[in-house]
Amino acid sequence: MAHKFRSLISNKLDPKTGPEPEFQVSLRALQRQGLISTSGLSDQKDLIRYGSALVQKFDTDPTIPGVHLVQDNKDVRLNFKVNYSQLASEVVRITTHKPASFWQCSALVTLLPHQNVVVEYSSPNIAKPFHVGHLRSTIIGNFIANLHVALGHNVTRINYLGDWGTQFGILKYGYDARNMTEKDLEDDAIKKLYEVYVWANQKAELDPSVSSKAREIFNEMEQGNISELKAWEVFRNVSIKDLKRMYARLNVNFDEFHGESMYNAQKCQEVLNLMEEKGLLEALDDGRKVYEVNPKRRVTVVKSDGSSIYLSRDIAGAIDRQEKYKFTKMYYVVDNSQTDHFVALFSILRKLGFEWADSMMHVKFGRIQGMSTRKGTAIFLQDILDEAQEIMLQKQQETHTTRDDVRLSGAETADRVATSCILIADLKQRRQRDYVFSWDKALQSRGDTGVKLQYVHCRLASLEKNCGIEFNSQANTSFLREESALSLIQDIARFDEILVNSYQELEPCILVNYLFKLCGNINMSLKHMQVKGAPLEVAEARLSLFMAARYTLAAGMNILGVKPLDQM
């Protein structure tokens, strides 16, 4: 929405220029972007002269009634006076009229090319508890999918499970050795399967015949043995059922659950035949076949025993997805350590002649360090979430402002707040940086945390419920004259720009930091702008602004994967 006013400013100056947020144009920034010539603008005095000339040529009108020059030691800026009465009216009207999609009418959003997007994220192993190592892929991938949907793209969310390999031979060996049946998995299935796997793996380390038997079992699976595949299918189904329960707590969802098992030996052989035809494979003396990524690096595609590796399955998977979804953008949300793998994958696909390979992207992220229960005894996500819920429930019961009806159903509310804290503690980090998880920082009630976002949303929901007046869609926003109101209006107006910036960078922290700032301005406005007891026209204008603020906050939280609470 603010983009409309910035476009007017830009067009009055020069069609090439793109003003900075807050209705300012930084001349230094324009120089860096190559939007103004650096010739003859070598020092601060030159910039001041240039800026003064722009001020002189600027044609003011009722929408943008004034412009003046501001300078400091490092920069020269043009500050534009905007008709805030018009801005306030448009912001409040548009936001409250379409609370779930108000940003989509922005030219910034409508001008984005429509994409057919596939996002692969999370990708845990089946038959094991959900490890915290998969958490960042899950919540960053969910954010990317949500953001693309919010901007009007067609999105398919895929969870590519680790559901194939010799480890399932080991699991099946243990399952049989303990005489287990499907009935044993009716409760605590993942816990039991994991215990069996650990037990069988320990036996395999001591007895080579166990490893040999496990390989035989997996070979039978690859050859299509119905009995072995039936048990594997049971393991997969109970795993997905357990994962869905975990994803529900995280407010994460998927359209499809795929797996490495979809790309068996036959599919991989088709890929190898393509590579052979293109002359992309080199045979080595030890029996391996390799692909040259660059003169300094080669990767194994076929092992010495003739079997394929997961790179082959990823090539087959990419081809399959393009045929099925016709994607124009494909994101793999996987940590930094897999960079070399994706460089090789994309290189092979290009060499195979697939032009769509250029539309594929590895969305990298750093690792979480130090995330375990406070006792340091568990690194499984359920244990982390359960402990966070317990801590938040205890805080909730101790807080005198907690409503009695919320206390009675406190476990669900505490879980929602605790999960919000863990998500926001992660998403506020720069995506590619490693970070150290801190329980105290993540769950604190003050500061920039998930608690802050939920608390402010609850304050606004409570205000709407208890202010004593009804929302008037025709409220006269000219009564919004306070400085805090103007700041809040500007923040709401920037939402479309924040989403587009987040989309361009694929950085959730851009949206998170915006919401923290928005919450600060909401709190300031609540302090200075009473609704209850104010004259009716003033109260209606303020209520409409606070509703617009809540809709904006809720939209941002939902895109991040944080489900807003109305009371806590």
Foldseek 3Di string as FASTA:
>chain_A
DVQVVQCVVCVQQDVQDGADAPQKRWPVVCVVVVVDDCPQVPDDVSQVVVVVVSQVSGDADQQFHHWDWDDDRPTIMIHTDGNLLVLLLVLLLLCVVCLQQSLQVDPLLVVDDAWLEEEEAQAEEFLAFRFCQRVLRQLLSLLLQLLSVSSPHHYAYEYAYAQADLLLLLLVLLCVVVPHDLVVCPPPNSVVSVVSSVVSVVVCVVDVVSSVSSVVLRVCVLVPPPVSVVVSVSRVVSRVVVVVVVVVLLLGDGPYYHYLVVCGQVLLVVLVVLCVVLVQWDADPLQWIWGDLDPVDIDTQADNVRGGDVLSSVLSVVVVCCVVRVTLAYEYEEEPVCVVSLSVSLSSCVSSPPPSSVRYDYNYFAAEPADDPPVNPDRGVVVSLVNQLVVQLVVLVVDPPADPVCNVVVSSVSSLLSSQLVLLVPQLDWGHDYYYDDPCVSNDCDDQGSNLLQVLLLVLLVCQVPQPDHADSPQSLVLQDDPLLSVLSSLSVCLSVLSSVCNVVSRSSSLSVSLVVNSVSSVVCCVVQRLRPDPPSSNNNSNSSSVSSSSSSQNSCVSSSRHHDNHD
